[in-house]
mmCIF file of all heavy atoms, coordinates in Angstrom:
data_MODEL
# 
_entry.id   MODEL 
# 
loop_
_atom_site.group_PDB 
_atom_site.id 
_atom_site.type_symbol 
_atom_site.label_atom_id 
_atom_site.label_alt_id 
_atom_site.label_comp_id 
_atom_site.label_asym_id 
_atom_site.label_entity_id 
_atom_site.label_seq_id 
_atom_site.pdbx_PDB_ins_code 
_atom_site.Cartn_x 
_atom_site.Cartn_y 
_atom_site.Cartn_z 
_atom_site.occupancy 
_atom_site.B_iso_or_equiv 
_atom_site.pdbx_formal_charge 
_atom_site.auth_seq_id 
_atom_site.auth_comp_id 
_atom_site.auth_asym_id 
_atom_site.auth_atom_id 
_atom_site.pdbx_PDB_model_num 
ATOM 1   N N   . THR A 1 1  ? -6.105 0.642   -7.559  1.00 0.00 ? 1  THR A N   1 
ATOM 2   C CA  . THR A 1 1  ? -6.482 -0.708  -7.965  1.00 0.00 ? 1  THR A CA  1 
ATOM 3   C C   . THR A 1 1  ? -5.307 -1.505  -8.517  1.00 0.00 ? 1  THR A C   1 
ATOM 4   O O   . THR A 1 1  ? -5.175 -2.699  -8.242  1.00 0.00 ? 1  THR A O   1 
ATOM 5   C CB  . THR A 1 1  ? -7.599 -0.671  -9.004  1.00 0.00 ? 1  THR A CB  1 
ATOM 6   O OG1 . THR A 1 1  ? -7.187 0.174   -10.092 1.00 0.00 ? 1  THR A OG1 1 
ATOM 7   C CG2 . THR A 1 1  ? -8.899 -0.143  -8.418  1.00 0.00 ? 1  THR A CG2 1 
ATOM 8   N N   . SER A 1 2  ? -4.451 -0.858  -9.275  1.00 0.00 ? 2  SER A N   1 
ATOM 9   C CA  . SER A 1 2  ? -3.309 -1.556  -9.872  1.00 0.00 ? 2  SER A CA  1 
ATOM 10  C C   . SER A 1 2  ? -2.113 -1.638  -8.933  1.00 0.00 ? 2  SER A C   1 
ATOM 11  O O   . SER A 1 2  ? -1.185 -2.407  -9.169  1.00 0.00 ? 2  SER A O   1 
ATOM 12  C CB  . SER A 1 2  ? -2.877 -0.848  -11.156 1.00 0.00 ? 2  SER A CB  1 
ATOM 13  O OG  . SER A 1 2  ? -2.341 0.435   -10.834 1.00 0.00 ? 2  SER A OG  1 
ATOM 14  N N   . GLY A 1 3  ? -2.137 -0.817  -7.891  1.00 0.00 ? 3  GLY A N   1 
ATOM 15  C CA  . GLY A 1 3  ? -0.988 -0.732  -7.000  1.00 0.00 ? 3  GLY A CA  1 
ATOM 16  C C   . GLY A 1 3  ? 0.020  0.314   -7.424  1.00 0.00 ? 3  GLY A C   1 
ATOM 17  O O   . GLY A 1 3  ? 1.025  0.521   -6.759  1.00 0.00 ? 3  GLY A O   1 
ATOM 18  N N   . GLY A 1 4  ? -0.259 0.998   -8.517  1.00 0.00 ? 4  GLY A N   1 
ATOM 19  C CA  . GLY A 1 4  ? 0.699  1.956   -9.034  1.00 0.00 ? 4  GLY A CA  1 
ATOM 20  C C   . GLY A 1 4  ? 0.746  3.284   -8.295  1.00 0.00 ? 4  GLY A C   1 
ATOM 21  O O   . GLY A 1 4  ? 1.708  4.041   -8.432  1.00 0.00 ? 4  GLY A O   1 
ATOM 22  N N   . ARG A 1 5  ? -0.296 3.565   -7.562  1.00 0.00 ? 5  ARG A N   1 
ATOM 23  C CA  . ARG A 1 5  ? -0.341 4.812   -6.781  1.00 0.00 ? 5  ARG A CA  1 
ATOM 24  C C   . ARG A 1 5  ? -0.595 4.493   -5.321  1.00 0.00 ? 5  ARG A C   1 
ATOM 25  O O   . ARG A 1 5  ? -1.427 3.664   -4.998  1.00 0.00 ? 5  ARG A O   1 
ATOM 26  C CB  . ARG A 1 5  ? -1.431 5.734   -7.300  1.00 0.00 ? 5  ARG A CB  1 
ATOM 27  C CG  . ARG A 1 5  ? -1.206 6.261   -8.709  1.00 0.00 ? 5  ARG A CG  1 
ATOM 28  C CD  . ARG A 1 5  ? -2.346 7.198   -9.114  1.00 0.00 ? 5  ARG A CD  1 
ATOM 29  N NE  . ARG A 1 5  ? -3.620 6.510   -9.181  1.00 0.00 ? 5  ARG A NE  1 
ATOM 30  C CZ  . ARG A 1 5  ? -4.794 7.079   -8.914  1.00 0.00 ? 5  ARG A CZ  1 
ATOM 31  N NH1 . ARG A 1 5  ? -4.855 8.345   -8.537  1.00 0.00 ? 5  ARG A NH1 1 
ATOM 32  N NH2 . ARG A 1 5  ? -5.913 6.379   -9.020  1.00 0.00 ? 5  ARG A NH2 1 
ATOM 33  N N   . THR A 1 6  ? 0.137  5.165   -4.452  1.00 0.00 ? 6  THR A N   1 
ATOM 34  C CA  . THR A 1 6  ? -0.042 5.016   -3.021  1.00 0.00 ? 6  THR A CA  1 
ATOM 35  C C   . THR A 1 6  ? -0.107 6.390   -2.357  1.00 0.00 ? 6  THR A C   1 
ATOM 36  O O   . THR A 1 6  ? 0.338  7.392   -2.923  1.00 0.00 ? 6  THR A O   1 
ATOM 37  C CB  . THR A 1 6  ? 1.090  4.199   -2.369  1.00 0.00 ? 6  THR A CB  1 
ATOM 38  O OG1 . THR A 1 6  ? 2.341  4.845   -2.648  1.00 0.00 ? 6  THR A OG1 1 
ATOM 39  C CG2 . THR A 1 6  ? 1.127  2.775   -2.900  1.00 0.00 ? 6  THR A CG2 1 
ATOM 40  N N   . ASN A 1 7  ? -0.658 6.404   -1.169  1.00 0.00 ? 7  ASN A N   1 
ATOM 41  C CA  . ASN A 1 7  ? -0.796 7.645   -0.420  1.00 0.00 ? 7  ASN A CA  1 
ATOM 42  C C   . ASN A 1 7  ? -0.696 7.313   1.054   1.00 0.00 ? 7  ASN A C   1 
ATOM 43  O O   . ASN A 1 7  ? -1.180 6.258   1.485   1.00 0.00 ? 7  ASN A O   1 
ATOM 44  C CB  . ASN A 1 7  ? -2.150 8.303   -0.745  1.00 0.00 ? 7  ASN A CB  1 
ATOM 45  C CG  . ASN A 1 7  ? -2.349 9.608   -0.015  1.00 0.00 ? 7  ASN A CG  1 
ATOM 46  O OD1 . ASN A 1 7  ? -2.775 9.630   1.141   1.00 0.00 ? 7  ASN A OD1 1 
ATOM 47  N ND2 . ASN A 1 7  ? -2.041 10.705  -0.674  1.00 0.00 ? 7  ASN A ND2 1 
ATOM 48  N N   . TYR A 1 8  ? -0.077 8.211   1.841   1.00 0.00 ? 8  TYR A N   1 
ATOM 49  C CA  . TYR A 1 8  ? 0.132  7.956   3.261   1.00 0.00 ? 8  TYR A CA  1 
ATOM 50  C C   . TYR A 1 8  ? -0.223 9.166   4.101   1.00 0.00 ? 8  TYR A C   1 
ATOM 51  O O   . TYR A 1 8  ? -0.027 10.319  3.683   1.00 0.00 ? 8  TYR A O   1 
ATOM 52  C CB  . TYR A 1 8  ? 1.608  7.603   3.519   1.00 0.00 ? 8  TYR A CB  1 
ATOM 53  C CG  . TYR A 1 8  ? 2.059  6.345   2.826   1.00 0.00 ? 8  TYR A CG  1 
ATOM 54  C CD1 . TYR A 1 8  ? 2.636  6.400   1.557   1.00 0.00 ? 8  TYR A CD1 1 
ATOM 55  C CD2 . TYR A 1 8  ? 1.889  5.101   3.422   1.00 0.00 ? 8  TYR A CD2 1 
ATOM 56  C CE1 . TYR A 1 8  ? 3.037  5.247   0.902   1.00 0.00 ? 8  TYR A CE1 1 
ATOM 57  C CE2 . TYR A 1 8  ? 2.285  3.945   2.772   1.00 0.00 ? 8  TYR A CE2 1 
ATOM 58  C CZ  . TYR A 1 8  ? 2.854  4.028   1.516   1.00 0.00 ? 8  TYR A CZ  1 
ATOM 59  O OH  . TYR A 1 8  ? 3.239  2.878   0.872   1.00 0.00 ? 8  TYR A OH  1 
ATOM 60  N N   . ALA A 1 9  ? -0.682 8.892   5.288   1.00 0.00 ? 9  ALA A N   1 
ATOM 61  C CA  . ALA A 1 9  ? -0.819 9.955   6.279   1.00 0.00 ? 9  ALA A CA  1 
ATOM 62  C C   . ALA A 1 9  ? 0.575  10.429  6.671   1.00 0.00 ? 9  ALA A C   1 
ATOM 63  O O   . ALA A 1 9  ? 1.535  9.645   6.681   1.00 0.00 ? 9  ALA A O   1 
ATOM 64  C CB  . ALA A 1 9  ? -1.565 9.440   7.506   1.00 0.00 ? 9  ALA A CB  1 
ATOM 65  N N   . ASP A 1 10 ? 0.686  11.694  6.986   1.00 0.00 ? 10 ASP A N   1 
ATOM 66  C CA  . ASP A 1 10 ? 1.999  12.247  7.350   1.00 0.00 ? 10 ASP A CA  1 
ATOM 67  C C   . ASP A 1 10 ? 2.614  11.513  8.538   1.00 0.00 ? 10 ASP A C   1 
ATOM 68  O O   . ASP A 1 10 ? 3.842  11.362  8.617   1.00 0.00 ? 10 ASP A O   1 
ATOM 69  C CB  . ASP A 1 10 ? 1.866  13.736  7.681   1.00 0.00 ? 10 ASP A CB  1 
ATOM 70  C CG  . ASP A 1 10 ? 1.617  14.586  6.449   1.00 0.00 ? 10 ASP A CG  1 
ATOM 71  O OD1 . ASP A 1 10 ? 1.866  14.103  5.317   1.00 0.00 ? 10 ASP A OD1 1 
ATOM 72  O OD2 . ASP A 1 10 ? 1.156  15.723  6.612   1.00 0.00 ? 10 ASP A OD2 1 
ATOM 73  N N   . SER A 1 11 ? 1.766  11.040  9.447   1.00 0.00 ? 11 SER A N   1 
ATOM 74  C CA  . SER A 1 11 ? 2.262  10.408  10.668  1.00 0.00 ? 11 SER A CA  1 
ATOM 75  C C   . SER A 1 11 ? 2.959  9.076   10.408  1.00 0.00 ? 11 SER A C   1 
ATOM 76  O O   . SER A 1 11 ? 3.711  8.602   11.277  1.00 0.00 ? 11 SER A O   1 
ATOM 77  C CB  . SER A 1 11 ? 1.109  10.204  11.653  1.00 0.00 ? 11 SER A CB  1 
ATOM 78  O OG  . SER A 1 11 ? 0.104  9.401   11.066  1.00 0.00 ? 11 SER A OG  1 
ATOM 79  N N   . VAL A 1 12 ? 2.724  8.479   9.253   1.00 0.00 ? 12 VAL A N   1 
ATOM 80  C CA  . VAL A 1 12 ? 3.326  7.167   8.980   1.00 0.00 ? 12 VAL A CA  1 
ATOM 81  C C   . VAL A 1 12 ? 4.224  7.176   7.745   1.00 0.00 ? 12 VAL A C   1 
ATOM 82  O O   . VAL A 1 12 ? 4.869  6.155   7.440   1.00 0.00 ? 12 VAL A O   1 
ATOM 83  C CB  . VAL A 1 12 ? 2.243  6.075   8.802   1.00 0.00 ? 12 VAL A CB  1 
ATOM 84  C CG1 . VAL A 1 12 ? 1.309  6.045   10.004  1.00 0.00 ? 12 VAL A CG1 1 
ATOM 85  C CG2 . VAL A 1 12 ? 1.460  6.267   7.505   1.00 0.00 ? 12 VAL A CG2 1 
ATOM 86  N N   . LYS A 1 13 ? 4.260  8.288   7.052   1.00 0.00 ? 13 LYS A N   1 
ATOM 87  C CA  . LYS A 1 13 ? 5.079  8.379   5.846   1.00 0.00 ? 13 LYS A CA  1 
ATOM 88  C C   . LYS A 1 13 ? 6.520  8.036   6.163   1.00 0.00 ? 13 LYS A C   1 
ATOM 89  O O   . LYS A 1 13 ? 7.050  8.448   7.199   1.00 0.00 ? 13 LYS A O   1 
ATOM 90  C CB  . LYS A 1 13 ? 4.961  9.791   5.264   1.00 0.00 ? 13 LYS A CB  1 
ATOM 91  C CG  . LYS A 1 13 ? 5.316  9.919   3.809   1.00 0.00 ? 13 LYS A CG  1 
ATOM 92  C CD  . LYS A 1 13 ? 4.933  11.310  3.293   1.00 0.00 ? 13 LYS A CD  1 
ATOM 93  C CE  . LYS A 1 13 ? 3.446  11.510  3.280   1.00 0.00 ? 13 LYS A CE  1 
ATOM 94  N NZ  . LYS A 1 13 ? 3.064  12.832  2.702   1.00 0.00 ? 13 LYS A NZ  1 
ATOM 95  N N   . ASP A 1 14 ? 7.150  7.292   5.305   1.00 0.00 ? 14 ASP A N   1 
ATOM 96  C CA  . ASP A 1 14 ? 8.551  6.847   5.434   1.00 0.00 ? 14 ASP A CA  1 
ATOM 97  C C   . ASP A 1 14 ? 8.739  5.742   6.467   1.00 0.00 ? 14 ASP A C   1 
ATOM 98  O O   . ASP A 1 14 ? 9.862  5.256   6.639   1.00 0.00 ? 14 ASP A O   1 
ATOM 99  C CB  . ASP A 1 14 ? 9.485  8.023   5.791   1.00 0.00 ? 14 ASP A CB  1 
ATOM 100 C CG  . ASP A 1 14 ? 9.496  9.108   4.737   1.00 0.00 ? 14 ASP A CG  1 
ATOM 101 O OD1 . ASP A 1 14 ? 9.367  8.752   3.550   1.00 0.00 ? 14 ASP A OD1 1 
ATOM 102 O OD2 . ASP A 1 14 ? 9.614  10.291  5.093   1.00 0.00 ? 14 ASP A OD2 1 
ATOM 103 N N   . ARG A 1 15 ? 7.669  5.334   7.163   1.00 0.00 ? 15 ARG A N   1 
ATOM 104 C CA  . ARG A 1 15 ? 7.760  4.203   8.089   1.00 0.00 ? 15 ARG A CA  1 
ATOM 105 C C   . ARG A 1 15 ? 6.893  3.034   7.646   1.00 0.00 ? 15 ARG A C   1 
ATOM 106 O O   . ARG A 1 15 ? 7.243  1.871   7.882   1.00 0.00 ? 15 ARG A O   1 
ATOM 107 C CB  . ARG A 1 15 ? 7.345  4.633   9.504   1.00 0.00 ? 15 ARG A CB  1 
ATOM 108 C CG  . ARG A 1 15 ? 8.215  5.703   10.116  1.00 0.00 ? 15 ARG A CG  1 
ATOM 109 C CD  . ARG A 1 15 ? 7.873  5.919   11.585  1.00 0.00 ? 15 ARG A CD  1 
ATOM 110 N NE  . ARG A 1 15 ? 6.487  6.353   11.787  1.00 0.00 ? 15 ARG A NE  1 
ATOM 111 C CZ  . ARG A 1 15 ? 5.598  5.694   12.535  1.00 0.00 ? 15 ARG A CZ  1 
ATOM 112 N NH1 . ARG A 1 15 ? 5.940  4.573   13.155  1.00 0.00 ? 15 ARG A NH1 1 
ATOM 113 N NH2 . ARG A 1 15 ? 4.364  6.166   12.682  1.00 0.00 ? 15 ARG A NH2 1 
ATOM 114 N N   . PHE A 1 16 ? 5.751  3.327   7.026   1.00 0.00 ? 16 PHE A N   1 
ATOM 115 C CA  . PHE A 1 16 ? 4.808  2.299   6.607   1.00 0.00 ? 16 PHE A CA  1 
ATOM 116 C C   . PHE A 1 16 ? 4.815  2.191   5.084   1.00 0.00 ? 16 PHE A C   1 
ATOM 117 O O   . PHE A 1 16 ? 5.080  3.175   4.383   1.00 0.00 ? 16 PHE A O   1 
ATOM 118 C CB  . PHE A 1 16 ? 3.392  2.652   7.068   1.00 0.00 ? 16 PHE A CB  1 
ATOM 119 C CG  . PHE A 1 16 ? 3.146  2.556   8.546   1.00 0.00 ? 16 PHE A CG  1 
ATOM 120 C CD1 . PHE A 1 16 ? 4.178  2.408   9.463   1.00 0.00 ? 16 PHE A CD1 1 
ATOM 121 C CD2 . PHE A 1 16 ? 1.841  2.614   9.035   1.00 0.00 ? 16 PHE A CD2 1 
ATOM 122 C CE1 . PHE A 1 16 ? 3.932  2.327   10.821  1.00 0.00 ? 16 PHE A CE1 1 
ATOM 123 C CE2 . PHE A 1 16 ? 1.571  2.532   10.387  1.00 0.00 ? 16 PHE A CE2 1 
ATOM 124 C CZ  . PHE A 1 16 ? 2.623  2.404   11.282  1.00 0.00 ? 16 PHE A CZ  1 
ATOM 125 N N   . ALA A 1 17 ? 4.479  1.005   4.597   1.00 0.00 ? 17 ALA A N   1 
ATOM 126 C CA  . ALA A 1 17 ? 4.371  0.793   3.151   1.00 0.00 ? 17 ALA A CA  1 
ATOM 127 C C   . ALA A 1 17 ? 3.169  -0.091  2.862   1.00 0.00 ? 17 ALA A C   1 
ATOM 128 O O   . ALA A 1 17 ? 3.042  -1.184  3.431   1.00 0.00 ? 17 ALA A O   1 
ATOM 129 C CB  . ALA A 1 17 ? 5.641  0.160   2.609   1.00 0.00 ? 17 ALA A CB  1 
ATOM 130 N N   . ILE A 1 18 ? 2.312  0.384   1.977   1.00 0.00 ? 18 ILE A N   1 
ATOM 131 C CA  . ILE A 1 18 ? 1.143  -0.387  1.555   1.00 0.00 ? 18 ILE A CA  1 
ATOM 132 C C   . ILE A 1 18 ? 1.438  -1.045  0.222   1.00 0.00 ? 18 ILE A C   1 
ATOM 133 O O   . ILE A 1 18 ? 2.103  -0.453  -0.642  1.00 0.00 ? 18 ILE A O   1 
ATOM 134 C CB  . ILE A 1 18 ? -0.113 0.516   1.479   1.00 0.00 ? 18 ILE A CB  1 
ATOM 135 C CG1 . ILE A 1 18 ? -1.370 -0.315  1.240   1.00 0.00 ? 18 ILE A CG1 1 
ATOM 136 C CG2 . ILE A 1 18 ? 0.064  1.603   0.424   1.00 0.00 ? 18 ILE A CG2 1 
ATOM 137 C CD1 . ILE A 1 18 ? -2.666 0.497   1.354   1.00 0.00 ? 18 ILE A CD1 1 
ATOM 138 N N   . SER A 1 19 ? 0.958  -2.265  0.056   1.00 0.00 ? 19 SER A N   1 
ATOM 139 C CA  . SER A 1 19 ? 1.136  -2.983  -1.206  1.00 0.00 ? 19 SER A CA  1 
ATOM 140 C C   . SER A 1 19 ? -0.054 -3.902  -1.404  1.00 0.00 ? 19 SER A C   1 
ATOM 141 O O   . SER A 1 19 ? -0.814 -4.160  -0.472  1.00 0.00 ? 19 SER A O   1 
ATOM 142 C CB  . SER A 1 19 ? 2.450  -3.787  -1.189  1.00 0.00 ? 19 SER A CB  1 
ATOM 143 O OG  . SER A 1 19 ? 2.423  -4.767  -0.164  1.00 0.00 ? 19 SER A OG  1 
ATOM 144 N N   . ARG A 1 20 ? -0.196 -4.402  -2.612  1.00 0.00 ? 20 ARG A N   1 
ATOM 145 C CA  . ARG A 1 20 ? -1.289 -5.323  -2.894  1.00 0.00 ? 20 ARG A CA  1 
ATOM 146 C C   . ARG A 1 20 ? -0.838 -6.358  -3.899  1.00 0.00 ? 20 ARG A C   1 
ATOM 147 O O   . ARG A 1 20 ? 0.051  -6.114  -4.721  1.00 0.00 ? 20 ARG A O   1 
ATOM 148 C CB  . ARG A 1 20 ? -2.535 -4.581  -3.393  1.00 0.00 ? 20 ARG A CB  1 
ATOM 149 C CG  . ARG A 1 20 ? -2.405 -3.959  -4.758  1.00 0.00 ? 20 ARG A CG  1 
ATOM 150 C CD  . ARG A 1 20 ? -3.639 -3.085  -5.063  1.00 0.00 ? 20 ARG A CD  1 
ATOM 151 N NE  . ARG A 1 20 ? -4.853 -3.875  -5.151  1.00 0.00 ? 20 ARG A NE  1 
ATOM 152 C CZ  . ARG A 1 20 ? -6.087 -3.335  -5.074  1.00 0.00 ? 20 ARG A CZ  1 
ATOM 153 N NH1 . ARG A 1 20 ? -6.227 -2.026  -4.894  1.00 0.00 ? 20 ARG A NH1 1 
ATOM 154 N NH2 . ARG A 1 20 ? -7.154 -4.105  -5.173  1.00 0.00 ? 20 ARG A NH2 1 
ATOM 155 N N   . ASP A 1 21 ? -1.497 -7.514  -3.839  1.00 0.00 ? 21 ASP A N   1 
ATOM 156 C CA  . ASP A 1 21 ? -1.266 -8.592  -4.789  1.00 0.00 ? 21 ASP A CA  1 
ATOM 157 C C   . ASP A 1 21 ? -2.642 -9.001  -5.306  1.00 0.00 ? 21 ASP A C   1 
ATOM 158 O O   . ASP A 1 21 ? -3.378 -9.745  -4.641  1.00 0.00 ? 21 ASP A O   1 
ATOM 159 C CB  . ASP A 1 21 ? -0.556 -9.764  -4.107  1.00 0.00 ? 21 ASP A CB  1 
ATOM 160 C CG  . ASP A 1 21 ? -0.191 -10.869 -5.069  1.00 0.00 ? 21 ASP A CG  1 
ATOM 161 O OD1 . ASP A 1 21 ? -0.813 -10.971 -6.148  1.00 0.00 ? 21 ASP A OD1 1 
ATOM 162 O OD2 . ASP A 1 21 ? 0.701  -11.665 -4.740  1.00 0.00 ? 21 ASP A OD2 1 
ATOM 163 N N   . ASN A 1 22 ? -2.995 -8.520  -6.484  1.00 0.00 ? 22 ASN A N   1 
ATOM 164 C CA  . ASN A 1 22 ? -4.335 -8.790  -7.019  1.00 0.00 ? 22 ASN A CA  1 
ATOM 165 C C   . ASN A 1 22 ? -4.522 -10.264 -7.386  1.00 0.00 ? 22 ASN A C   1 
ATOM 166 O O   . ASN A 1 22 ? -5.639 -10.761 -7.378  1.00 0.00 ? 22 ASN A O   1 
ATOM 167 C CB  . ASN A 1 22 ? -4.607 -7.900  -8.230  1.00 0.00 ? 22 ASN A CB  1 
ATOM 168 C CG  . ASN A 1 22 ? -4.879 -6.463  -7.823  1.00 0.00 ? 22 ASN A CG  1 
ATOM 169 O OD1 . ASN A 1 22 ? -5.204 -6.176  -6.670  1.00 0.00 ? 22 ASN A OD1 1 
ATOM 170 N ND2 . ASN A 1 22 ? -4.736 -5.546  -8.767  1.00 0.00 ? 22 ASN A ND2 1 
ATOM 171 N N   . ALA A 1 23 ? -3.453 -10.948 -7.675  1.00 0.00 ? 23 ALA A N   1 
ATOM 172 C CA  . ALA A 1 23 ? -3.557 -12.375 -7.988  1.00 0.00 ? 23 ALA A CA  1 
ATOM 173 C C   . ALA A 1 23 ? -3.929 -13.186 -6.750  1.00 0.00 ? 23 ALA A C   1 
ATOM 174 O O   . ALA A 1 23 ? -4.545 -14.251 -6.860  1.00 0.00 ? 23 ALA A O   1 
ATOM 175 C CB  . ALA A 1 23 ? -2.250 -12.885 -8.570  1.00 0.00 ? 23 ALA A CB  1 
ATOM 176 N N   . LYS A 1 24 ? -3.547 -12.665 -5.572  1.00 0.00 ? 24 LYS A N   1 
ATOM 177 C CA  . LYS A 1 24 ? -3.829 -13.370 -4.318  1.00 0.00 ? 24 LYS A CA  1 
ATOM 178 C C   . LYS A 1 24 ? -4.913 -12.688 -3.495  1.00 0.00 ? 24 LYS A C   1 
ATOM 179 O O   . LYS A 1 24 ? -5.186 -13.082 -2.367  1.00 0.00 ? 24 LYS A O   1 
ATOM 180 C CB  . LYS A 1 24 ? -2.545 -13.483 -3.488  1.00 0.00 ? 24 LYS A CB  1 
ATOM 181 C CG  . LYS A 1 24 ? -1.478 -14.344 -4.143  1.00 0.00 ? 24 LYS A CG  1 
ATOM 182 C CD  . LYS A 1 24 ? -0.244 -14.464 -3.250  1.00 0.00 ? 24 LYS A CD  1 
ATOM 183 C CE  . LYS A 1 24 ? 0.810  -15.359 -3.902  1.00 0.00 ? 24 LYS A CE  1 
ATOM 184 N NZ  . LYS A 1 24 ? 2.023  -15.482 -3.043  1.00 0.00 ? 24 LYS A NZ  1 
ATOM 185 N N   . ASN A 1 25 ? -5.516 -11.645 -4.056  1.00 0.00 ? 25 ASN A N   1 
ATOM 186 C CA  . ASN A 1 25 ? -6.595 -10.923 -3.360  1.00 0.00 ? 25 ASN A CA  1 
ATOM 187 C C   . ASN A 1 25 ? -6.169 -10.460 -1.967  1.00 0.00 ? 25 ASN A C   1 
ATOM 188 O O   . ASN A 1 25 ? -6.891 -10.638 -0.974  1.00 0.00 ? 25 ASN A O   1 
ATOM 189 C CB  . ASN A 1 25 ? -7.849 -11.802 -3.235  1.00 0.00 ? 25 ASN A CB  1 
ATOM 190 C CG  . ASN A 1 25 ? -8.666 -11.841 -4.511  1.00 0.00 ? 25 ASN A CG  1 
ATOM 191 O OD1 . ASN A 1 25 ? -8.196 -11.433 -5.576  1.00 0.00 ? 25 ASN A OD1 1 
ATOM 192 N ND2 . ASN A 1 25 ? -9.867 -12.361 -4.430  1.00 0.00 ? 25 ASN A ND2 1 
ATOM 193 N N   . THR A 1 26 ? -4.984 -9.901  -1.886  1.00 0.00 ? 26 THR A N   1 
ATOM 194 C CA  . THR A 1 26 ? -4.501 -9.445  -0.586  1.00 0.00 ? 26 THR A CA  1 
ATOM 195 C C   . THR A 1 26 ? -3.917 -8.035  -0.668  1.00 0.00 ? 26 THR A C   1 
ATOM 196 O O   . THR A 1 26 ? -3.423 -7.610  -1.727  1.00 0.00 ? 26 THR A O   1 
ATOM 197 C CB  . THR A 1 26 ? -3.413 -10.372 -0.022  1.00 0.00 ? 26 THR A CB  1 
ATOM 198 O OG1 . THR A 1 26 ? -2.353 -10.488 -0.974  1.00 0.00 ? 26 THR A OG1 1 
ATOM 199 C CG2 . THR A 1 26 ? -3.948 -11.745 0.308   1.00 0.00 ? 26 THR A CG2 1 
ATOM 200 N N   . VAL A 1 27 ? -3.975 -7.352  0.424   1.00 0.00 ? 27 VAL A N   1 
ATOM 201 C CA  . VAL A 1 27 ? -3.316 -6.058  0.581   1.00 0.00 ? 27 VAL A CA  1 
ATOM 202 C C   . VAL A 1 27 ? -2.551 -6.116  1.902   1.00 0.00 ? 27 VAL A C   1 
ATOM 203 O O   . VAL A 1 27 ? -3.003 -6.739  2.862   1.00 0.00 ? 27 VAL A O   1 
ATOM 204 C CB  . VAL A 1 27 ? -4.326 -4.890  0.543   1.00 0.00 ? 27 VAL A CB  1 
ATOM 205 C CG1 . VAL A 1 27 ? -5.332 -4.981  1.660   1.00 0.00 ? 27 VAL A CG1 1 
ATOM 206 C CG2 . VAL A 1 27 ? -3.597 -3.558  0.588   1.00 0.00 ? 27 VAL A CG2 1 
ATOM 207 N N   . HIS A 1 28 ? -1.377 -5.517  1.897   1.00 0.00 ? 28 HIS A N   1 
ATOM 208 C CA  . HIS A 1 28 ? -0.505 -5.575  3.063   1.00 0.00 ? 28 HIS A CA  1 
ATOM 209 C C   . HIS A 1 28 ? -0.157 -4.177  3.546   1.00 0.00 ? 28 HIS A C   1 
ATOM 210 O O   . HIS A 1 28 ? -0.169 -3.212  2.777   1.00 0.00 ? 28 HIS A O   1 
ATOM 211 C CB  . HIS A 1 28 ? 0.797  -6.311  2.723   1.00 0.00 ? 28 HIS A CB  1 
ATOM 212 C CG  . HIS A 1 28 ? 0.591  -7.701  2.240   1.00 0.00 ? 28 HIS A CG  1 
ATOM 213 N ND1 . HIS A 1 28 ? 0.232  -8.738  3.074   1.00 0.00 ? 28 HIS A ND1 1 
ATOM 214 C CD2 . HIS A 1 28 ? 0.687  -8.233  0.996   1.00 0.00 ? 28 HIS A CD2 1 
ATOM 215 C CE1 . HIS A 1 28 ? 0.122  -9.836  2.367   1.00 0.00 ? 28 HIS A CE1 1 
ATOM 216 N NE2 . HIS A 1 28 ? 0.384  -9.563  1.102   1.00 0.00 ? 28 HIS A NE2 1 
ATOM 217 N N   . LEU A 1 29 ? 0.170  -4.103  4.819   1.00 0.00 ? 29 LEU A N   1 
ATOM 218 C CA  . LEU A 1 29 ? 0.704  -2.867  5.388   1.00 0.00 ? 29 LEU A CA  1 
ATOM 219 C C   . LEU A 1 29 ? 1.947  -3.237  6.186   1.00 0.00 ? 29 LEU A C   1 
ATOM 220 O O   . LEU A 1 29 ? 1.845  -3.856  7.256   1.00 0.00 ? 29 LEU A O   1 
ATOM 221 C CB  . LEU A 1 29 ? -0.322 -2.176  6.291   1.00 0.00 ? 29 LEU A CB  1 
ATOM 222 C CG  . LEU A 1 29 ? 0.124  -0.819  6.839   1.00 0.00 ? 29 LEU A CG  1 
ATOM 223 C CD1 . LEU A 1 29 ? 0.197  0.204   5.692   1.00 0.00 ? 29 LEU A CD1 1 
ATOM 224 C CD2 . LEU A 1 29 ? -0.840 -0.326  7.918   1.00 0.00 ? 29 LEU A CD2 1 
# 
């Protein structure tokens, strides 16, 4: 919820990054 913890599938680790902006109600990949 805070964005402080992330988790990835092994197939995308080190290539993809998830993030969120709670002020803008958005999540990105």
